[in-house]
Amino acid sequence: MSIVSNVAPELCQAVFSNCRLARPQSARHLFDRLVPLTAALMKESPAALKYALFLLGFMSPATRLPIVELTEDAKAEVASAIAEIGDEHIACPVERWHGPRLREGSVAQS
């Protein structure tokens, strides 16, 4: 959950809040929305997290050894997982977005 909370903090908070309020069905439903993103980020951590944060405008996707850049397939998986969650639950930089969250030219827009 800690890796995913960098990308979808509001959704993670909602999962924890529902757990604390003894609403396991609601928590499970919300958690299930995080599964594709969790899987995509965990496959090639931390490069996948860096790429996700790049798509959201937080940082450069550049990596240094021993971390290597994601393959195009892995980039597409991360971008797709972010798109599945929806804008209302995705982190964004201090300056609010006025359009699509993913950077222009990202793999998800193919």
Protein backbone atom coordinates (compact mmCIF):
# COMPACT_ATOMS: atom_id res chain seq x y z
CA MET A 1 0.00 0.00 0.00
CA SER A 2 2.81 2.45 0.75
CA ILE A 3 4.08 2.50 -2.84
CA VAL A 4 0.58 2.89 -4.26
CA SER A 5 -0.22 5.74 -1.88
CA ASN A 6 2.32 7.89 -3.72
CA VAL A 7 0.17 7.66 -6.84
CA ALA A 8 -3.38 7.31 -5.45
CA PRO A 9 -3.29 8.80 -1.93
CA GLU A 10 -6.99 9.61 -1.67
CA LEU A 11 -8.05 6.12 -2.67
CA CYS A 12 -5.62 4.57 -0.18
CA GLN A 13 -6.94 6.87 2.53
CA ALA A 14 -10.50 5.80 1.67
CA VAL A 15 -9.53 2.13 2.00
CA PHE A 16 -8.02 2.72 5.45
CA SER A 17 -10.94 4.89 6.57
CA ASN A 18 -13.44 2.22 5.60
CA CYS A 19 -11.41 -0.39 7.48
CA ARG A 20 -11.35 1.77 10.59
CA LEU A 21 -15.10 2.34 10.30
CA ALA A 22 -15.69 -1.44 10.14
CA ARG A 23 -16.89 -1.31 6.54
CA PRO A 24 -14.99 -4.26 5.07
CA GLN A 25 -17.10 -4.55 1.92
CA SER A 26 -16.53 -0.91 1.00
CA ALA A 27 -12.83 -1.22 1.82
CA ARG A 28 -12.54 -4.34 -0.35
CA HIS A 29 -14.33 -2.65 -3.26
CA LEU A 30 -11.97 0.34 -3.08
CA PHE A 31 -8.92 -1.88 -2.60
CA ASP A 32 -9.85 -3.91 -5.68
CA ARG A 33 -9.51 -0.71 -7.73
CA LEU A 34 -5.88 -0.51 -6.58
CA VAL A 35 -4.91 -4.07 -7.55
CA PRO A 36 -3.83 -3.37 -11.18
CA LEU A 37 -1.78 -0.35 -10.09
CA THR A 38 -0.20 -2.29 -7.23
CA ALA A 39 0.75 -5.12 -9.57
CA ALA A 40 2.22 -2.74 -12.15
CA LEU A 41 4.25 -0.81 -9.56
CA MET A 42 5.56 -3.89 -7.77
CA LYS A 43 6.84 -5.67 -10.88
CA GLU A 44 9.72 -3.30 -11.44
CA SER A 45 10.00 -1.22 -8.30
CA PRO A 46 11.22 1.52 -8.01
CA ALA A 47 11.45 2.29 -11.75
CA ALA A 48 7.70 1.77 -12.18
CA LEU A 49 6.94 4.21 -9.35
CA LYS A 50 9.31 6.78 -10.86
CA TYR A 51 7.57 6.39 -14.20
CA ALA A 52 4.11 6.73 -12.62
CA LEU A 53 5.19 9.90 -10.82
CA PHE A 54 6.63 11.18 -14.12
CA LEU A 55 3.26 10.62 -15.82
CA LEU A 56 1.63 12.68 -13.08
CA GLY A 57 4.13 15.51 -13.44
CA PHE A 58 6.09 15.02 -10.22
CA MET A 59 9.53 13.98 -11.45
CA SER A 60 11.74 12.79 -14.26
CA PRO A 61 11.57 9.10 -15.19
CA ALA A 62 15.37 8.98 -15.46
CA THR A 63 17.03 6.14 -13.60
CA ARG A 64 20.58 5.40 -12.50
CA LEU A 65 22.21 2.01 -12.28
CA PRO A 66 21.43 -0.47 -10.86
CA ILE A 67 17.85 0.65 -11.65
CA VAL A 68 17.07 0.40 -15.35
CA GLU A 69 14.40 2.14 -17.41
CA LEU A 70 11.09 0.35 -17.89
CA THR A 71 10.34 -1.47 -21.11
CA GLU A 72 7.63 -0.02 -23.34
CA ASP A 73 5.26 -2.80 -22.23
CA ALA A 74 5.86 -2.00 -18.56
CA LYS A 75 5.32 1.72 -19.24
CA ALA A 76 2.02 0.91 -20.95
CA GLU A 77 0.95 -1.25 -18.01
CA VAL A 78 1.68 1.53 -15.49
CA ALA A 79 -0.09 4.16 -17.59
CA SER A 80 -3.10 1.91 -18.10
CA ALA A 81 -3.35 1.12 -14.38
CA ILE A 82 -3.29 4.83 -13.54
CA ALA A 83 -5.96 5.57 -16.14
CA GLU A 84 -8.21 2.82 -14.71
CA ILE A 85 -8.33 4.46 -11.30
CA GLY A 86 -9.65 7.80 -12.54
CA ASP A 87 -8.61 11.38 -11.98
CA GLU A 88 -10.41 11.99 -8.70
CA HIS A 89 -8.12 9.61 -6.81
CA ILE A 90 -4.77 10.36 -8.46
CA ALA A 91 -2.11 12.53 -6.87
CA CYS A 92 -1.21 15.76 -8.59
CA PRO A 93 1.47 18.39 -8.08
CA VAL A 94 0.79 21.59 -6.19
CA GLU A 95 -0.34 23.38 -9.33
CA ARG A 96 -3.69 21.73 -10.16
CA TRP A 97 -4.16 20.10 -13.55
CA HIS A 98 -6.40 21.68 -16.18
CA GLY A 99 -6.64 18.71 -18.51
CA PRO A 100 -5.67 15.07 -18.77
CA ARG A 101 -3.43 13.96 -15.92
CA LEU A 102 -1.05 11.89 -18.00
CA ARG A 103 1.72 13.75 -19.76
CA GLU A 104 1.38 14.32 -23.46
CA GLY A 105 3.06 11.60 -25.47
CA SER A 106 2.74 9.04 -22.68
CA VAL A 107 2.09 5.46 -23.60
CA ALA A 108 -1.52 5.50 -22.29
CA GLN A 109 -2.64 7.92 -24.98
CA SER A 110 -1.75 5.53 -27.80
